[in-house]
């Protein structure tokens, strides 16, 4: 092993760009490129939307970790898998934040009208 001097600063833009390009070229981002056994049922998980505060916490990490384990397990069994990121389609979290800001101004959502 050669004694190679490390750079003083990590050049993230350069290095991470090269890594990302390699990942894209490999086709691993596309689940259609993965081997799938015939006659297996597809497996999917819908990731729930973020919590009301939007601040990740230990429960967030646990939930995502368990979902990741399950998806990887089914991929190793060569089942077609899909992990769908969730969204707050009803905008409940957004509405809550807006209503709190309005309350500080002495208003509520009905004061705004349509």
PDB file of N, CA and C in Angstrom:
ATOM      1  N   UNK A   1       0.841  -1.182   0.000  1.00  0.00           N
ATOM      2  CA  UNK A   1       0.000   0.000   0.000  1.00  0.00           C
ATOM      3  C   UNK A   1       0.881   1.238   0.000  1.00  0.00           C
ATOM      4  N   UNK A   2       0.586   2.152  -0.903  1.00  0.00           N
ATOM      5  CA  UNK A   2       1.363   3.380  -0.991  1.00  0.00           C
ATOM      6  C   UNK A   2       0.918   4.348   0.088  1.00  0.00           C
ATOM      7  N   UNK A   3       1.847   5.157   0.514  1.00  0.00           N
ATOM      8  CA  UNK A   3       1.552   6.178   1.504  1.00  0.00           C
ATOM      9  C   UNK A   3       1.061   7.415   0.759  1.00  0.00           C
ATOM     10  N   UNK A   4      -0.234   7.594   0.653  1.00  0.00           N
ATOM     11  CA  UNK A   4      -0.818   8.680  -0.120  1.00  0.00           C
ATOM     12  C   UNK A   4      -1.351   9.754   0.821  1.00  0.00           C
ATOM     13  N   UNK A   5      -1.026  10.987   0.505  1.00  0.00           N
ATOM     14  CA  UNK A   5      -1.471  12.094   1.350  1.00  0.00           C
ATOM     15  C   UNK A   5      -2.923  12.450   1.022  1.00  0.00           C
ATOM     16  N   UNK A   6      -3.718  12.601   2.049  1.00  0.00           N
ATOM     17  CA  UNK A   6      -5.117  12.962   1.869  1.00  0.00           C
ATOM     18  C   UNK A   6      -5.241  14.464   1.649  1.00  0.00           C
ATOM     19  N   UNK A   7      -6.214  14.891   0.852  1.00  0.00           N
ATOM     20  CA  UNK A   7      -6.412  16.333   0.678  1.00  0.00           C
ATOM     21  C   UNK A   7      -6.850  16.962   1.998  1.00  0.00           C
ATOM     22  N   UNK A   8      -6.534  18.249   2.151  1.00  0.00           N
ATOM     23  CA  UNK A   8      -6.882  18.942   3.402  1.00  0.00           C
ATOM     24  C   UNK A   8      -8.390  19.143   3.541  1.00  0.00           C
ATOM     25  N   UNK A   9      -9.073  19.263   2.408  1.00  0.00           N
ATOM     26  CA  UNK A   9     -10.526  19.463   2.443  1.00  0.00           C
ATOM     27  C   UNK A   9     -11.205  18.424   1.554  1.00  0.00           C
ATOM     28  N   UNK A  10     -12.368  18.012   1.963  1.00  0.00           N
ATOM     29  CA  UNK A  10     -13.168  17.055   1.191  1.00  0.00           C
ATOM     30  C   UNK A  10     -13.901  17.825   0.099  1.00  0.00           C
ATOM     31  N   UNK A  11     -13.668  17.476  -1.144  1.00  0.00           N
ATOM     32  CA  UNK A  11     -14.306  18.150  -2.275  1.00  0.00           C
ATOM     33  C   UNK A  11     -15.613  17.433  -2.608  1.00  0.00           C
ATOM     34  N   UNK A  12     -16.628  17.730  -1.819  1.00  0.00           N
ATOM     35  CA  UNK A  12     -17.892  16.993  -1.926  1.00  0.00           C
ATOM     36  C   UNK A  12     -18.543  17.115  -3.296  1.00  0.00           C
ATOM     37  N   UNK A  13     -18.539  18.302  -3.881  1.00  0.00           N
ATOM     38  CA  UNK A  13     -19.214  18.475  -5.175  1.00  0.00           C
ATOM     39  C   UNK A  13     -18.597  17.579  -6.240  1.00  0.00           C
ATOM     40  N   UNK A  14     -17.282  17.512  -6.263  1.00  0.00           N
ATOM     41  CA  UNK A  14     -16.592  16.712  -7.278  1.00  0.00           C
ATOM     42  C   UNK A  14     -16.788  15.216  -7.016  1.00  0.00           C
ATOM     43  N   UNK A  15     -16.512  14.804  -5.804  1.00  0.00           N
ATOM     44  CA  UNK A  15     -16.546  13.379  -5.468  1.00  0.00           C
ATOM     45  C   UNK A  15     -17.965  12.819  -5.525  1.00  0.00           C
ATOM     46  N   UNK A  16     -18.917  13.531  -4.935  1.00  0.00           N
ATOM     47  CA  UNK A  16     -20.286  13.030  -4.901  1.00  0.00           C
ATOM     48  C   UNK A  16     -20.932  13.041  -6.280  1.00  0.00           C
ATOM     49  N   UNK A  17     -20.528  13.973  -7.142  1.00  0.00           N
ATOM     50  CA  UNK A  17     -21.033  13.989  -8.513  1.00  0.00           C
ATOM     51  C   UNK A  17     -20.597  12.716  -9.238  1.00  0.00           C
ATOM     52  N   UNK A  18     -19.334  12.337  -9.076  1.00  0.00           N
ATOM     53  CA  UNK A  18     -18.820  11.116  -9.710  1.00  0.00           C
ATOM     54  C   UNK A  18     -19.550   9.874  -9.182  1.00  0.00           C
ATOM     55  N   UNK A  19     -19.754   9.826  -7.878  1.00  0.00           N
ATOM     56  CA  UNK A  19     -20.446   8.680  -7.272  1.00  0.00           C
ATOM     57  C   UNK A  19     -21.879   8.589  -7.801  1.00  0.00           C
ATOM     58  N   UNK A  20     -22.579   9.725  -7.843  1.00  0.00           N
ATOM     59  CA  UNK A  20     -23.969   9.750  -8.316  1.00  0.00           C
ATOM     60  C   UNK A  20     -24.058   9.320  -9.775  1.00  0.00           C
ATOM     61  N   UNK A  21     -23.124   9.811 -10.595  1.00  0.00           N
ATOM     62  CA  UNK A  21     -23.114   9.422 -12.012  1.00  0.00           C
ATOM     63  C   UNK A  21     -22.921   7.913 -12.160  1.00  0.00           C
ATOM     64  N   UNK A  22     -22.044   7.333 -11.341  1.00  0.00           N
ATOM     65  CA  UNK A  22     -21.838   5.880 -11.384  1.00  0.00           C
ATOM     66  C   UNK A  22     -23.103   5.124 -10.994  1.00  0.00           C
ATOM     67  N   UNK A  23     -23.815   5.626  -9.989  1.00  0.00           N
ATOM     68  CA  UNK A  23     -25.059   4.990  -9.573  1.00  0.00           C
ATOM     69  C   UNK A  23     -26.084   5.046 -10.702  1.00  0.00           C
ATOM     70  N   UNK A  24     -26.191   6.206 -11.360  1.00  0.00           N
ATOM     71  CA  UNK A  24     -27.155   6.331 -12.454  1.00  0.00           C
ATOM     72  C   UNK A  24     -26.811   5.400 -13.612  1.00  0.00           C
ATOM     73  N   UNK A  25     -25.530   5.312 -13.955  1.00  0.00           N
ATOM     74  CA  UNK A  25     -25.092   4.434 -15.052  1.00  0.00           C
ATOM     75  C   UNK A  25     -25.367   2.965 -14.726  1.00  0.00           C
ATOM     76  N   UNK A  26     -25.271   2.602 -13.453  1.00  0.00           N
ATOM     77  CA  UNK A  26     -25.435   1.200 -13.053  1.00  0.00           C
ATOM     78  C   UNK A  26     -26.863   0.697 -13.257  1.00  0.00           C
ATOM     79  N   UNK A  27     -27.834   1.610 -13.229  1.00  0.00           N
ATOM     80  CA  UNK A  27     -29.231   1.205 -13.373  1.00  0.00           C
ATOM     81  C   UNK A  27     -29.872   0.769 -12.065  1.00  0.00           C
ATOM     82  N   UNK A  28     -29.160   0.860 -10.952  1.00  0.00           N
ATOM     83  CA  UNK A  28     -29.708   0.418  -9.667  1.00  0.00           C
ATOM     84  C   UNK A  28     -30.849   1.298  -9.172  1.00  0.00           C
ATOM     85  N   UNK A  29     -30.935   2.532  -9.674  1.00  0.00           N
ATOM     86  CA  UNK A  29     -32.033   3.408  -9.263  1.00  0.00           C
ATOM     87  C   UNK A  29     -33.364   2.952  -9.864  1.00  0.00           C
ATOM     88  N   UNK A  30     -33.313   2.200 -10.929  1.00  0.00           N
ATOM     89  CA  UNK A  30     -34.516   1.771 -11.622  1.00  0.00           C
ATOM     90  C   UNK A  30     -34.897   0.362 -11.170  1.00  0.00           C
ATOM     91  N   UNK A  31     -35.996   0.221 -10.430  1.00  0.00           N
ATOM     92  CA  UNK A  31     -36.372  -1.109  -9.940  1.00  0.00           C
ATOM     93  C   UNK A  31     -36.700  -2.085 -11.062  1.00  0.00           C
ATOM     94  N   UNK A  32     -36.998  -1.561 -12.261  1.00  0.00           N
ATOM     95  CA  UNK A  32     -37.288  -2.452 -13.387  1.00  0.00           C
ATOM     96  C   UNK A  32     -36.048  -3.199 -13.860  1.00  0.00           C
ATOM     97  N   UNK A  33     -34.863  -2.730 -13.453  1.00  0.00           N
ATOM     98  CA  UNK A  33     -33.616  -3.395 -13.844  1.00  0.00           C
ATOM     99  C   UNK A  33     -33.227  -4.529 -12.897  1.00  0.00           C
ATOM    100  N   UNK A  34     -33.938  -4.671 -11.794  1.00  0.00           N
ATOM    101  CA  UNK A  34     -33.600  -5.707 -10.820  1.00  0.00           C
ATOM    102  C   UNK A  34     -34.205  -7.046 -11.233  1.00  0.00           C
ATOM    103  N   UNK A  35     -33.523  -8.145 -10.910  1.00  0.00           N
ATOM    104  CA  UNK A  35     -34.078  -9.458 -11.263  1.00  0.00           C
ATOM    105  C   UNK A  35     -35.338  -9.751 -10.442  1.00  0.00           C
ATOM    106  N   UNK A  36     -36.344 -10.290 -11.105  1.00  0.00           N
ATOM    107  CA  UNK A  36     -37.611 -10.612 -10.437  1.00  0.00           C
ATOM    108  C   UNK A  36     -37.992 -12.043 -10.794  1.00  0.00           C
ATOM    109  N   UNK A  37     -38.325 -12.829  -9.760  1.00  0.00           N
ATOM    110  CA  UNK A  37     -38.803 -14.198  -9.995  1.00  0.00           C
ATOM    111  C   UNK A  37     -40.207 -14.146 -10.576  1.00  0.00           C
ATOM    112  N   UNK A  38     -40.489 -15.071 -11.450  1.00  0.00           N
ATOM    113  CA  UNK A  38     -41.838 -15.155 -12.007  1.00  0.00           C
ATOM    114  C   UNK A  38     -42.786 -15.715 -10.948  1.00  0.00           C
ATOM    115  N   UNK A  39     -44.034 -15.366 -11.091  1.00  0.00           N
ATOM    116  CA  UNK A  39     -45.100 -15.859 -10.212  1.00  0.00           C
ATOM    117  C   UNK A  39     -44.925 -15.448  -8.752  1.00  0.00           C
ATOM    118  N   UNK A  40     -44.318 -14.287  -8.511  1.00  0.00           N
ATOM    119  CA  UNK A  40     -44.255 -13.759  -7.141  1.00  0.00           C
ATOM    120  C   UNK A  40     -45.161 -12.539  -7.060  1.00  0.00           C
ATOM    121  N   UNK A  41     -45.733 -12.344  -5.890  1.00  0.00           N
ATOM    122  CA  UNK A  41     -46.604 -11.193  -5.689  1.00  0.00           C
ATOM    123  C   UNK A  41     -45.750  -9.946  -5.485  1.00  0.00           C
ATOM    124  N   UNK A  42     -46.137  -8.811  -6.071  1.00  0.00           N
ATOM    125  CA  UNK A  42     -45.410  -7.569  -5.814  1.00  0.00           C
ATOM    126  C   UNK A  42     -45.578  -7.154  -4.352  1.00  0.00           C
ATOM    127  N   UNK A  43     -44.590  -6.456  -3.834  1.00  0.00           N
ATOM    128  CA  UNK A  43     -44.630  -5.977  -2.454  1.00  0.00           C
ATOM    129  C   UNK A  43     -44.415  -4.469  -2.474  1.00  0.00           C
ATOM    130  N   UNK A  44     -45.298  -3.735  -1.813  1.00  0.00           N
ATOM    131  CA  UNK A  44     -45.134  -2.280  -1.766  1.00  0.00           C
ATOM    132  C   UNK A  44     -45.432  -1.751  -0.375  1.00  0.00           C
ATOM    133  N   UNK A  45     -44.814  -0.630  -0.080  1.00  0.00           N
ATOM    134  CA  UNK A  45     -45.048   0.078   1.179  1.00  0.00           C
ATOM    135  C   UNK A  45     -45.269   1.542   0.833  1.00  0.00           C
ATOM    136  N   UNK A  46     -46.321   2.123   1.386  1.00  0.00           N
ATOM    137  CA  UNK A  46     -46.535   3.561   1.248  1.00  0.00           C
ATOM    138  C   UNK A  46     -45.994   4.231   2.495  1.00  0.00           C
ATOM    139  N   UNK A  47     -44.990   5.045   2.307  1.00  0.00           N
ATOM    140  CA  UNK A  47     -44.375   5.755   3.423  1.00  0.00           C
ATOM    141  C   UNK A  47     -45.374   6.798   3.932  1.00  0.00           C
ATOM    142  N   UNK A  48     -45.639   6.844   5.219  1.00  0.00           N
ATOM    143  CA  UNK A  48     -46.604   7.822   5.723  1.00  0.00           C
ATOM    144  C   UNK A  48     -46.063   9.242   5.594  1.00  0.00           C
ATOM    145  N   UNK A  49     -46.958  10.227   5.591  1.00  0.00           N
ATOM    146  CA  UNK A  49     -46.497  11.616   5.513  1.00  0.00           C
ATOM    147  C   UNK A  49     -45.740  12.004   6.778  1.00  0.00           C
ATOM    148  N   UNK A  50     -44.974  13.086   6.714  1.00  0.00           N
ATOM    149  CA  UNK A  50     -44.246  13.530   7.905  1.00  0.00           C
ATOM    150  C   UNK A  50     -45.215  13.920   9.021  1.00  0.00           C
ATOM    151  N   UNK A  51     -44.698  13.912  10.254  1.00  0.00           N
ATOM    152  CA  UNK A  51     -45.564  14.272  11.377  1.00  0.00           C
ATOM    153  C   UNK A  51     -45.897  15.760  11.328  1.00  0.00           C
ATOM    154  N   UNK A  52     -46.786  16.179  12.183  1.00  0.00           N
ATOM    155  CA  UNK A  52     -47.326  17.531  12.150  1.00  0.00           C
ATOM    156  C   UNK A  52     -46.256  18.607  12.257  1.00  0.00           C
ATOM    157  N   UNK A  53     -45.260  18.398  13.096  1.00  0.00           N
ATOM    158  CA  UNK A  53     -44.231  19.424  13.274  1.00  0.00           C
ATOM    159  C   UNK A  53     -43.236  19.433  12.130  1.00  0.00           C
ATOM    160  N   UNK A  54     -43.141  18.321  11.414  1.00  0.00           N
ATOM    161  CA  UNK A  54     -42.175  18.230  10.327  1.00  0.00           C
ATOM    162  C   UNK A  54     -40.769  17.948  10.810  1.00  0.00           C
ATOM    163  N   UNK A  55     -40.579  17.853  12.121  1.00  0.00           N
ATOM    164  CA  UNK A  55     -39.255  17.619  12.692  1.00  0.00           C
ATOM    165  C   UNK A  55     -39.051  16.115  12.879  1.00  0.00           C
ATOM    166  N   UNK A  56     -38.031  15.550  12.227  1.00  0.00           N
ATOM    167  CA  UNK A  56     -37.781  14.115  12.417  1.00  0.00           C
ATOM    168  C   UNK A  56     -37.412  13.804  13.871  1.00  0.00           C
ATOM    169  N   UNK A  57     -37.795  12.631  14.344  1.00  0.00           N
ATOM    170  CA  UNK A  57     -37.480  12.213  15.706  1.00  0.00           C
ATOM    171  C   UNK A  57     -37.131  10.731  15.686  1.00  0.00           C
ATOM    172  N   UNK A  58     -36.890  10.146  16.829  1.00  0.00           N
ATOM    173  CA  UNK A  58     -36.477   8.750  16.906  1.00  0.00           C
ATOM    174  C   UNK A  58     -37.508   7.807  16.286  1.00  0.00           C
ATOM    175  N   UNK A  59     -38.774   8.100  16.474  1.00  0.00           N
ATOM    176  CA  UNK A  59     -39.825   7.277  15.876  1.00  0.00           C
ATOM    177  C   UNK A  59     -39.780   7.322  14.353  1.00  0.00           C
ATOM    178  N   UNK A  60     -39.438   8.486  13.803  1.00  0.00           N
ATOM    179  CA  UNK A  60     -39.288   8.622  12.353  1.00  0.00           C
ATOM    180  C   UNK A  60     -38.194   7.687  11.864  1.00  0.00           C
ATOM    181  N   UNK A  61     -37.052   7.728  12.538  1.00  0.00           N
ATOM    182  CA  UNK A  61     -35.911   6.888  12.155  1.00  0.00           C
ATOM    183  C   UNK A  61     -36.268   5.406  12.256  1.00  0.00           C
ATOM    184  N   UNK A  62     -36.961   5.033  13.310  1.00  0.00           N
ATOM    185  CA  UNK A  62     -37.352   3.632  13.485  1.00  0.00           C
ATOM    186  C   UNK A  62     -38.290   3.183  12.366  1.00  0.00           C
ATOM    187  N   UNK A  63     -39.298   3.999  12.084  1.00  0.00           N
ATOM    188  CA  UNK A  63     -40.262   3.646  11.045  1.00  0.00           C
ATOM    189  C   UNK A  63     -39.614   3.480   9.682  1.00  0.00           C
ATOM    190  N   UNK A  64     -38.753   4.417   9.312  1.00  0.00           N
ATOM    191  CA  UNK A  64     -38.085   4.343   8.010  1.00  0.00           C
ATOM    192  C   UNK A  64     -37.141   3.150   7.965  1.00  0.00           C
ATOM    193  N   UNK A  65     -36.459   2.881   9.076  1.00  0.00           N
ATOM    194  CA  UNK A  65     -35.545   1.732   9.128  1.00  0.00           C
ATOM    195  C   UNK A  65     -36.299   0.424   8.922  1.00  0.00           C
ATOM    196  N   UNK A  66     -37.433   0.267   9.590  1.00  0.00           N
ATOM    197  CA  UNK A  66     -38.224  -0.963   9.444  1.00  0.00           C
ATOM    198  C   UNK A  66     -38.744  -1.128   8.015  1.00  0.00           C
ATOM    199  N   UNK A  67     -39.187  -0.018   7.418  1.00  0.00           N
ATOM    200  CA  UNK A  67     -39.653  -0.087   6.033  1.00  0.00           C
ATOM    201  C   UNK A  67     -38.510  -0.475   5.100  1.00  0.00           C
ATOM    202  N   UNK A  68     -37.338   0.106   5.320  1.00  0.00           N
ATOM    203  CA  UNK A  68     -36.167  -0.198   4.501  1.00  0.00           C
ATOM    204  C   UNK A  68     -35.802  -1.681   4.605  1.00  0.00           C
ATOM    205  N   UNK A  69     -35.833  -2.207   5.828  1.00  0.00           N
ATOM    206  CA  UNK A  69     -35.528  -3.630   6.046  1.00  0.00           C
ATOM    207  C   UNK A  69     -36.516  -4.509   5.276  1.00  0.00           C
ATOM    208  N   UNK A  70     -37.809  -4.171   5.367  1.00  0.00           N
ATOM    209  CA  UNK A  70     -38.824  -4.990   4.698  1.00  0.00           C
ATOM    210  C   UNK A  70     -38.673  -4.949   3.176  1.00  0.00           C
ATOM    211  N   UNK A  71     -38.438  -3.764   2.625  1.00  0.00           N
ATOM    212  CA  UNK A  71     -38.261  -3.640   1.173  1.00  0.00           C
ATOM    213  C   UNK A  71     -37.037  -4.425   0.727  1.00  0.00           C
ATOM    214  N   UNK A  72     -35.920  -4.276   1.449  1.00  0.00           N
ATOM    215  CA  UNK A  72     -34.693  -4.999   1.080  1.00  0.00           C
ATOM    216  C   UNK A  72     -34.889  -6.516   1.180  1.00  0.00           C
ATOM    217  N   UNK A  73     -35.611  -6.960   2.195  1.00  0.00           N
ATOM    218  CA  UNK A  73     -35.883  -8.387   2.367  1.00  0.00           C
ATOM    219  C   UNK A  73     -36.628  -8.943   1.149  1.00  0.00           C
ATOM    220  N   UNK A  74     -37.662  -8.222   0.735  1.00  0.00           N
ATOM    221  CA  UNK A  74     -38.453  -8.691  -0.408  1.00  0.00           C
ATOM    222  C   UNK A  74     -37.672  -8.586  -1.718  1.00  0.00           C
ATOM    223  N   UNK A  75     -36.800  -7.591  -1.830  1.00  0.00           N
ATOM    224  CA  UNK A  75     -35.947  -7.510  -3.025  1.00  0.00           C
ATOM    225  C   UNK A  75     -34.973  -8.681  -3.071  1.00  0.00           C
ATOM    226  N   UNK A  76     -34.439  -9.066  -1.910  1.00  0.00           N
ATOM    227  CA  UNK A  76     -33.525 -10.208  -1.873  1.00  0.00           C
ATOM    228  C   UNK A  76     -34.238 -11.498  -2.260  1.00  0.00           C
ATOM    229  N   UNK A  77     -35.537 -11.546  -2.016  1.00  0.00           N
ATOM    230  CA  UNK A  77     -36.325 -12.707  -2.435  1.00  0.00           C
ATOM    231  C   UNK A  77     -36.701 -12.601  -3.915  1.00  0.00           C
ATOM    232  N   UNK A  78     -36.193 -11.575  -4.569  1.00  0.00           N
ATOM    233  CA  UNK A  78     -36.431 -11.283  -5.990  1.00  0.00           C
ATOM    234  C   UNK A  78     -37.908 -11.053  -6.297  1.00  0.00           C
ATOM    235  N   UNK A  79     -38.573 -10.370  -5.381  1.00  0.00           N
ATOM    236  CA  UNK A  79     -39.943  -9.941  -5.627  1.00  0.00           C
ATOM    237  C   UNK A  79     -39.897  -8.505  -6.136  1.00  0.00           C
ATOM    238  N   UNK A  80     -40.848  -8.160  -6.984  1.00  0.00           N
ATOM    239  CA  UNK A  80     -40.932  -6.779  -7.463  1.00  0.00           C
ATOM    240  C   UNK A  80     -41.397  -5.918  -6.294  1.00  0.00           C
ATOM    241  N   UNK A  81     -40.645  -4.869  -5.993  1.00  0.00           N
ATOM    242  CA  UNK A  81     -40.958  -4.032  -4.833  1.00  0.00           C
ATOM    243  C   UNK A  81     -41.123  -2.577  -5.242  1.00  0.00           C
ATOM    244  N   UNK A  82     -41.897  -1.864  -4.437  1.00  0.00           N
ATOM    245  CA  UNK A  82     -42.088  -0.432  -4.642  1.00  0.00           C
ATOM    246  C   UNK A  82     -42.224   0.225  -3.276  1.00  0.00           C
ATOM    247  N   UNK A  83     -41.410   1.236  -3.039  1.00  0.00           N
ATOM    248  CA  UNK A  83     -41.453   1.988  -1.785  1.00  0.00           C
ATOM    249  C   UNK A  83     -41.876   3.401  -2.146  1.00  0.00           C
ATOM    250  N   UNK A  84     -43.117   3.743  -1.882  1.00  0.00           N
ATOM    251  CA  UNK A  84     -43.695   5.011  -2.310  1.00  0.00           C
ATOM    252  C   UNK A  84     -43.617   6.037  -1.183  1.00  0.00           C
ATOM    253  N   UNK A  85     -42.911   7.152  -1.426  1.00  0.00           N
ATOM    254  CA  UNK A  85     -42.888   8.210  -0.409  1.00  0.00           C
ATOM    255  C   UNK A  85     -44.291   8.772  -0.219  1.00  0.00           C
ATOM    256  N   UNK A  86     -44.662   9.018   1.019  1.00  0.00           N
ATOM    257  CA  UNK A  86     -45.990   9.538   1.312  1.00  0.00           C
ATOM    258  C   UNK A  86     -46.043  11.044   1.212  1.00  0.00           C
ATOM    259  N   UNK A  87     -47.243  11.536   1.156  1.00  0.00           N
ATOM    260  CA  UNK A  87     -47.432  12.983   1.171  1.00  0.00           C
ATOM    261  C   UNK A  87     -48.727  13.265   1.907  1.00  0.00           C
ATOM    262  N   UNK A  88     -48.808  14.456   2.421  1.00  0.00           N
ATOM    263  CA  UNK A  88     -50.002  14.854   3.146  1.00  0.00           C
ATOM    264  C   UNK A  88     -50.978  15.428   2.125  1.00  0.00           C
ATOM    265  N   UNK A  89     -51.697  14.539   1.459  1.00  0.00           N
ATOM    266  CA  UNK A  89     -52.564  14.968   0.364  1.00  0.00           C
ATOM    267  C   UNK A  89     -53.674  15.909   0.824  1.00  0.00           C
ATOM    268  N   UNK A  90     -54.022  15.859   2.075  1.00  0.00           N
ATOM    269  CA  UNK A  90     -55.071  16.729   2.583  1.00  0.00           C
ATOM    270  C   UNK A  90     -54.501  18.025   3.162  1.00  0.00           C
ATOM    271  N   UNK A  91     -53.182  18.146   3.212  1.00  0.00           N
ATOM    272  CA  UNK A  91     -52.485  19.342   3.705  1.00  0.00           C
ATOM    273  C   UNK A  91     -52.850  19.677   5.149  1.00  0.00           C
ATOM    274  N   UNK A  92     -53.109  18.654   5.952  1.00  0.00           N
ATOM    275  CA  UNK A  92     -53.508  18.869   7.342  1.00  0.00           C
ATOM    276  C   UNK A  92     -52.393  19.556   8.123  1.00  0.00           C
ATOM    277  N   UNK A  93     -51.158  19.106   7.945  1.00  0.00           N
ATOM    278  CA  UNK A  93     -50.036  19.706   8.675  1.00  0.00           C
ATOM    279  C   UNK A  93     -49.842  21.157   8.267  1.00  0.00           C
ATOM    280  N   UNK A  94     -49.949  21.432   6.983  1.00  0.00           N
ATOM    281  CA  UNK A  94     -49.794  22.804   6.494  1.00  0.00           C
ATOM    282  C   UNK A  94     -50.894  23.685   7.055  1.00  0.00           C
ATOM    283  N   UNK A  95     -52.115  23.190   7.040  1.00  0.00           N
ATOM    284  CA  UNK A  95     -53.243  23.959   7.552  1.00  0.00           C
ATOM    285  C   UNK A  95     -53.032  24.303   9.018  1.00  0.00           C
ATOM    286  N   UNK A  96     -52.545  23.366   9.794  1.00  0.00           N
ATOM    287  CA  UNK A  96     -52.313  23.597  11.215  1.00  0.00           C
ATOM    288  C   UNK A  96     -51.306  24.718  11.437  1.00  0.00           C
ATOM    289  N   UNK A  97     -50.211  24.689  10.682  1.00  0.00           N
ATOM    290  CA  UNK A  97     -49.174  25.719  10.824  1.00  0.00           C
ATOM    291  C   UNK A  97     -49.727  27.084  10.430  1.00  0.00           C
ATOM    292  N   UNK A  98     -50.457  27.141   9.318  1.00  0.00           N
ATOM    293  CA  UNK A  98     -51.032  28.410   8.855  1.00  0.00           C
ATOM    294  C   UNK A  98     -52.017  28.951   9.888  1.00  0.00           C
ATOM    295  N   UNK A  99     -52.857  28.081  10.444  1.00  0.00           N
ATOM    296  CA  UNK A  99     -53.838  28.542  11.427  1.00  0.00           C
ATOM    297  C   UNK A  99     -53.169  29.082  12.690  1.00  0.00           C
ATOM    298  N   UNK A 100     -52.057  28.480  13.096  1.00  0.00           N
ATOM    299  CA  UNK A 100     -51.326  28.989  14.265  1.00  0.00           C
ATOM    300  C   UNK A 100     -50.758  30.376  13.983  1.00  0.00           C
ATOM    301  N   UNK A 101     -50.246  30.572  12.772  1.00  0.00           N
ATOM    302  CA  UNK A 101     -49.700  31.886  12.408  1.00  0.00           C
ATOM    303  C   UNK A 101     -50.807  32.931  12.321  1.00  0.00           C
ATOM    304  N   UNK A 102     -51.950  32.530  11.786  1.00  0.00           N
ATOM    305  CA  UNK A 102     -53.089  33.445  11.723  1.00  0.00           C
ATOM    306  C   UNK A 102     -53.554  33.833  13.123  1.00  0.00           C
ATOM    307  N   UNK A 103     -53.567  32.859  14.027  1.00  0.00           N
ATOM    308  CA  UNK A 103     -54.017  33.112  15.402  1.00  0.00           C
ATOM    309  C   UNK A 103     -53.147  34.170  16.071  1.00  0.00           C
ATOM    310  N   UNK A 104     -51.836  34.122  15.796  1.00  0.00           N
ATOM    311  CA  UNK A 104     -50.923  35.126  16.357  1.00  0.00           C
ATOM    312  C   UNK A 104     -51.266  36.526  15.852  1.00  0.00           C
ATOM    313  N   UNK A 105     -51.895  36.594  14.668  1.00  0.00           N
ATOM    314  CA  UNK A 105     -52.296  37.878  14.086  1.00  0.00           C
ATOM    315  C   UNK A 105     -53.731  38.250  14.464  1.00  0.00           C
ATOM    316  N   UNK A 106     -54.342  37.411  15.295  1.00  0.00           N
ATOM    317  CA  UNK A 106     -55.716  37.664  15.714  1.00  0.00           C
ATOM    318  C   UNK A 106     -56.742  37.290  14.654  1.00  0.00           C
ATOM    319  N   UNK A 107     -56.378  36.404  13.743  1.00  0.00           N
ATOM    320  CA  UNK A 107     -57.270  35.980  12.667  1.00  0.00           C
ATOM    321  C   UNK A 107     -57.509  34.478  12.731  1.00  0.00           C
ATOM    322  N   UNK A 108     -58.497  34.012  11.960  1.00  0.00           N
ATOM    323  CA  UNK A 108     -58.671  32.575  11.760  1.00  0.00           C
ATOM    324  C   UNK A 108     -58.937  32.330  10.281  1.00  0.00           C
ATOM    325  N   UNK A 109     -59.026  31.085   9.881  1.00  0.00           N
ATOM    326  CA  UNK A 109     -59.158  30.763   8.451  1.00  0.00           C
ATOM    327  C   UNK A 109     -60.450  31.296   7.849  1.00  0.00           C
ATOM    328  N   UNK A 110     -61.491  31.442   8.661  1.00  0.00           N
ATOM    329  CA  UNK A 110     -62.764  31.938   8.148  1.00  0.00           C
ATOM    330  C   UNK A 110     -62.697  33.433   7.847  1.00  0.00           C
ATOM    331  N   UNK A 111     -61.782  34.140   8.520  1.00  0.00           N
ATOM    332  CA  UNK A 111     -61.607  35.567   8.248  1.00  0.00           C
ATOM    333  C   UNK A 111     -61.031  35.808   6.853  1.00  0.00           C
ATOM    334  N   UNK A 112     -60.339  34.834   6.309  1.00  0.00           N
ATOM    335  CA  UNK A 112     -59.691  34.999   5.007  1.00  0.00           C
ATOM    336  C   UNK A 112     -60.663  34.857   3.845  1.00  0.00           C
ATOM    337  N   UNK A 113     -61.709  34.084   4.022  1.00  0.00           N
ATOM    338  CA  UNK A 113     -62.642  33.833   2.926  1.00  0.00           C
ATOM    339  C   UNK A 113     -62.031  32.892   1.907  1.00  0.00           C
ATOM    340  N   UNK A 114     -62.584  32.900   0.718  1.00  0.00           N
ATOM    341  CA  UNK A 114     -62.055  32.022  -0.336  1.00  0.00           C
ATOM    342  C   UNK A 114     -61.138  32.823  -1.149  1.00  0.00           C
TER     343      UNK A 114
END
